Protein backbone atom coordinates (compact mmCIF):
# COMPACT_ATOMS: atom_id res chain seq x y z
CA MET A 1 92.11 60.94 139.77
CA GLU A 2 88.87 63.14 139.56
CA TYR A 3 90.84 65.91 139.53
CA ASN A 4 93.37 64.68 136.31
CA VAL A 5 90.08 63.65 134.60
CA LEU A 6 88.75 66.96 134.60
CA VAL A 7 91.86 68.58 133.53
CA GLY A 8 91.80 66.11 130.57
CA HIS A 9 88.29 67.02 129.97
CA LEU A 10 89.15 70.72 129.87
CA ALA A 11 92.18 70.05 127.96
CA GLY A 12 90.04 67.83 124.67
CA HIS A 13 87.87 71.25 124.79
CA LEU A 14 90.48 73.71 124.84
CA ALA A 15 92.43 71.70 121.86
CA SER A 16 89.04 72.20 119.95
CA ILE A 17 88.62 75.48 120.25
CA LEU A 18 92.69 76.24 119.48
CA THR A 19 92.06 73.82 116.37
CA MET A 20 88.80 76.24 115.58
CA ALA A 21 90.93 79.32 116.30
CA ALA A 22 93.79 78.31 114.06
CA TYR A 23 91.55 77.59 110.94
CA LEU A 24 90.24 81.64 111.05
CA LEU A 25 93.40 82.85 110.41
CA LYS A 26 95.05 84.05 107.85
CA ASP A 27 98.78 84.62 109.40
CA ILE A 28 100.47 81.37 108.72
CA LEU A 29 102.58 81.93 111.96
CA TRP A 30 99.95 82.35 114.30
CA LEU A 31 98.28 79.24 112.58
CA ARG A 32 101.01 76.95 113.67
CA LEU A 33 101.57 78.34 117.06
CA LEU A 34 98.03 78.13 117.79
CA THR A 35 98.37 74.35 116.00
CA ILE A 36 100.93 73.57 118.59
CA LEU A 37 98.99 74.53 121.48
CA SER A 38 96.16 72.59 120.10
CA CYS A 39 98.76 69.62 120.03
CA PHE A 40 99.60 70.08 123.68
CA ALA A 41 96.39 70.29 124.47
CA GLY A 42 95.69 66.89 122.72
CA ILE A 43 98.38 65.29 124.07
CA ALA A 44 96.94 66.12 127.94
CA PHE A 45 93.25 64.99 126.86
CA ASN A 46 94.60 61.62 125.52
CA TYR A 47 96.54 60.97 128.89
CA PHE A 48 94.82 61.79 131.48
CA VAL A 49 90.79 61.07 130.40
CA PRO A 50 91.03 57.34 129.17
CA ALA A 51 91.52 54.18 131.34
CA THR A 52 94.95 53.89 129.86
CA PRO A 53 96.96 56.79 128.07
CA LEU A 54 96.87 56.80 124.15
CA TRP A 55 100.05 56.84 123.36
CA SER A 56 99.87 56.36 119.66
CA VAL A 57 97.64 59.37 119.62
CA ILE A 58 100.01 61.10 122.00
CA TYR A 59 102.89 60.26 119.72
CA TRP A 60 101.41 61.68 116.78
CA ASN A 61 100.45 64.87 118.30
CA ILE A 62 104.38 64.75 119.36
CA LEU A 63 105.23 64.75 115.80
CA PHE A 64 102.76 67.56 114.58
CA ALA A 65 103.94 70.10 117.48
CA LEU A 66 107.58 69.42 116.05
CA ILE A 67 107.09 69.51 112.92
CA ASN A 68 105.17 73.04 113.27
CA ILE A 69 107.86 74.31 116.00
CA VAL A 70 110.30 73.57 112.51
CA GLN A 71 108.14 75.36 110.55
CA ILE A 72 107.91 78.42 112.66
CA ALA A 73 111.62 78.53 113.26
CA ILE A 74 111.65 78.80 109.38
CA ILE A 75 109.32 81.48 108.96
CA ILE A 76 111.00 83.67 111.92
CA LYS A 77 114.52 83.39 110.28
CA GLU A 78 112.50 84.34 106.59
CA ARG A 79 110.94 87.57 108.84
CA THR A 80 113.62 88.52 110.31
CA GLY A 81 115.86 88.70 107.46
CA ILE A 82 113.55 91.37 105.61
CA HIS A 83 115.68 94.37 104.57
CA PHE A 84 113.74 96.88 102.18
CA THR A 85 115.75 99.50 100.23
CA GLU A 86 113.38 103.32 100.73
CA GLU A 87 111.22 102.58 97.69
CA GLU A 88 110.12 99.38 98.54
CA LYS A 89 109.25 100.69 102.33
CA GLU A 90 107.32 103.34 100.66
CA LEU A 91 105.16 100.87 98.86
CA HIS A 92 104.91 98.62 101.37
CA ASP A 93 103.68 101.38 103.71
CA THR A 94 101.06 102.64 101.25
CA LEU A 95 99.71 100.62 98.27
CA PHE A 96 100.86 96.82 99.61
CA LYS A 97 100.09 97.70 103.50
CA ASN A 98 98.08 94.59 103.31
CA PHE A 99 100.92 92.37 102.44
CA ALA A 100 102.91 90.95 105.12
CA PRO A 101 106.46 92.02 104.79
CA PHE A 102 107.84 88.46 103.72
CA GLU A 103 105.14 88.45 101.62
CA PHE A 104 105.95 92.04 99.52
CA MET A 105 109.63 90.51 99.70
CA LYS A 106 108.67 87.66 97.70
CA LEU A 107 106.96 89.60 95.35
CA MET A 108 109.50 92.45 94.91
CA ARG A 109 112.22 89.45 94.20
CA ILE A 110 110.18 88.66 90.89
CA GLY A 111 110.25 92.36 89.67
CA LYS A 112 112.02 94.68 87.82
CA TRP A 113 112.61 98.18 88.28
CA LEU A 114 112.37 100.11 84.71
CA GLU A 115 112.68 103.56 83.45
CA ALA A 116 110.55 104.52 80.44
CA LYS A 117 111.95 107.48 78.24
CA GLN A 118 109.80 110.24 77.09
CA GLY A 119 107.16 109.14 74.24
CA GLU A 120 108.32 105.75 75.19
CA ILE A 121 105.29 102.98 74.52
CA LEU A 122 104.88 100.49 77.74
CA ALA A 123 102.08 98.58 76.36
CA ALA A 124 100.09 98.60 72.86
CA GLU A 125 96.25 97.87 72.29
CA LYS A 126 95.43 94.80 71.19
CA GLN A 127 99.09 93.46 71.38
CA SER A 128 100.28 90.70 74.08
CA LEU A 129 101.41 92.16 77.44
CA ASN A 130 103.86 89.83 79.08
CA ALA A 131 104.03 92.35 82.31
CA VAL A 132 101.84 93.72 85.19
CA MET A 133 103.74 97.45 85.82
CA LEU A 134 103.29 99.14 88.74
CA ILE A 135 103.96 103.49 88.37
CA TYR A 136 106.24 104.68 90.76
CA ASN A 137 107.23 107.95 89.59
CA GLY A 138 105.73 109.76 86.42
CA LEU A 139 102.75 110.30 83.89
CA VAL A 140 101.67 108.17 81.05
CA GLY A 141 98.55 108.63 78.82
CA VAL A 142 96.27 106.13 77.96
CA GLU A 143 95.30 106.06 74.47
CA ALA A 144 92.36 103.98 72.76
CA ASN A 145 91.80 104.09 68.92
CA GLY A 146 94.54 106.83 68.34
CA LYS A 147 92.92 108.77 71.51
CA GLU A 148 94.20 109.66 75.04
CA VAL A 149 91.61 108.78 76.77
CA ALA A 150 93.05 108.98 80.64
CA THR A 151 96.49 110.10 82.29
CA LEU A 152 98.13 107.65 85.02
CA LYS A 153 100.20 108.93 87.64
CA ASP A 154 102.09 107.21 90.93
CA GLY A 155 100.60 104.30 92.27
CA ASN A 156 98.58 102.90 88.97
CA PHE A 157 98.97 99.57 87.32
CA ILE A 158 99.45 99.14 84.01
CA GLY A 159 98.03 96.06 82.21
CA GLU A 160 95.81 94.72 84.85
CA VAL A 161 92.82 93.83 82.81
CA SER A 162 95.24 91.86 80.52
CA PHE A 163 96.57 90.22 83.85
CA ILE A 164 93.15 89.37 85.28
CA THR A 165 91.52 88.15 81.42
CA GLY A 166 94.46 86.78 80.32
CA GLY A 167 94.28 88.28 76.66
CA ASP A 168 95.91 91.21 75.06
CA ALA A 169 96.24 94.75 75.97
CA THR A 170 93.34 96.96 75.65
CA ALA A 171 94.92 100.32 75.42
CA THR A 172 98.03 102.15 74.38
CA VAL A 173 100.23 103.38 77.64
CA ARG A 174 102.87 105.86 76.31
CA ALA A 175 104.94 108.09 79.12
CA LEU A 176 104.27 111.68 78.47
CA THR A 177 107.33 112.07 81.22
CA PRO A 178 109.82 109.66 82.19
CA THR A 179 108.68 107.26 84.27
CA ARG A 180 110.12 104.91 86.79
CA TYR A 181 108.02 101.86 87.04
CA ILE A 182 108.03 98.12 88.36
CA ALA A 183 107.41 95.10 86.19
CA TRP A 184 106.42 91.80 87.01
CA PRO A 185 106.08 88.98 84.40
CA LYS A 186 102.88 87.31 84.21
CA GLU A 187 103.52 84.32 84.14
CA ALA A 188 105.78 84.81 87.40
CA ILE A 189 103.58 86.87 89.30
CA SER A 190 100.37 83.97 88.57
CA GLN A 191 102.85 80.92 89.77
CA LEU A 192 103.50 83.11 93.09
CA LEU A 193 100.02 83.89 93.83
CA ASN A 194 99.12 80.46 93.31
CA ARG A 195 101.38 79.38 95.61
CA ASN A 196 100.35 82.29 98.16
CA PRO A 197 96.33 82.39 98.70
CA SER A 198 96.58 85.15 101.09
CA MET A 199 98.68 87.32 98.59
CA ARG A 200 96.53 86.24 95.34
CA PHE A 201 93.28 87.98 97.60
CA ALA A 202 95.58 90.92 98.56
CA MET A 203 96.76 91.31 95.01
CA GLN A 204 93.18 90.78 93.56
CA SER A 205 91.99 93.32 96.00
CA MET A 206 94.31 95.75 94.85
CA LEU A 207 93.88 95.24 91.32
CA SER A 208 90.34 95.51 91.46
CA THR A 209 90.35 98.78 93.40
CA ASP A 210 92.53 100.18 90.83
CA LEU A 211 91.00 99.59 87.96
CA SER A 212 87.25 100.53 89.46
CA LYS A 213 88.96 103.90 89.89
CA LYS A 214 90.29 104.05 86.41
CA LEU A 215 86.72 103.36 85.06
CA MET A 216 85.47 106.38 87.24
CA HIS A 217 87.83 108.70 85.84
CA ARG A 218 88.06 107.77 81.87
CA ALA A 219 85.98 108.93 79.10
CA PRO A 220 82.39 107.77 78.81
CA SER A 221 82.95 105.80 75.31
CA PHE A 222 85.98 104.11 76.52
CA ARG A 223 84.72 102.81 79.94
CA GLY A 224 81.74 101.35 78.27
CA ARG A 225 84.11 99.10 76.88
CA ILE A 226 85.61 97.71 79.62
CA SER A 227 82.68 95.97 82.51
CA LEU A 228 84.23 95.67 85.66
CA SER A 229 81.59 93.48 86.76
CA ALA A 230 82.26 90.94 83.87
CA LEU A 231 86.70 91.11 84.40
CA LEU A 232 85.79 90.23 87.89
CA ARG A 233 83.75 86.99 87.07
CA LYS A 234 86.34 85.90 84.61
CA ARG A 235 88.87 86.19 87.30
CA ASP A 236 87.09 84.12 89.74
CA ASN A 237 85.94 81.25 87.16
C-alpha cells in the first residue's frame, strides 16, 4: 500500500511538471503529447493516493487524453500530407525557416504567384494597397515624391509598412525588370495570423527584420520619414 501511495505522489508531481513543460512549448503537437502524459500521471495520482479512487477526476482525465489523442491524429495527418513545389521549398528553407511546414503551407494557400512586366507599378504612393508582396525573382525600384530612393530584389517584401500600420502605401514601387512575386491579400493574411499566434510572431519578426534592413539602405531624406520604433509600437497596440 505504501508503495502505491509513493507511486501516486510521484505521479502527481510528474503531472504538474509535464503540464508546466507543455505550457512552455510553441509546437502544438508536442504540447498535446505532454498534456496526454500529464493526464495519465494525473490518473495514477487520483487512483493511488486518495483513500478511494476519485473516479470523477479520473474519468475527466481520460476524456481530456482522448480529445488530445484525436487532435494529434489530425495534426499528424495534416503534416504528413504536405508537398511543396521547388519554389515553395526554397522559400521555406530560407526566408520562412521559422515557420513549421504546415504553417507555411497555410500561408502559401492564401497567396498568389504573379508576374510583373518591366515598368509595371506594384504599389502607388499614398494610395490604398490591399496586399503584402514578396519578391521571388526580379528587381523593383522604390520611389518617393517622384525620385527613386531604393531598389528591392529577391527576398524583399513590398507593402509591409502598409500592412503593419493599416494605412496607404508609403512609396511607389515599380518593376525595373520582369519580376515574379507572391501577393497575399491583407485581410486574408491578417485573419490567418490572428488564428495562429506562432505564425503571427514569426511573420512580424520577418517583416520587422526586412523593414530594418530597408531603412538602413535607403536615402537619408526618405529614411527619416519612417520611424521603425513608431511602426512597431503601433503594430503591438
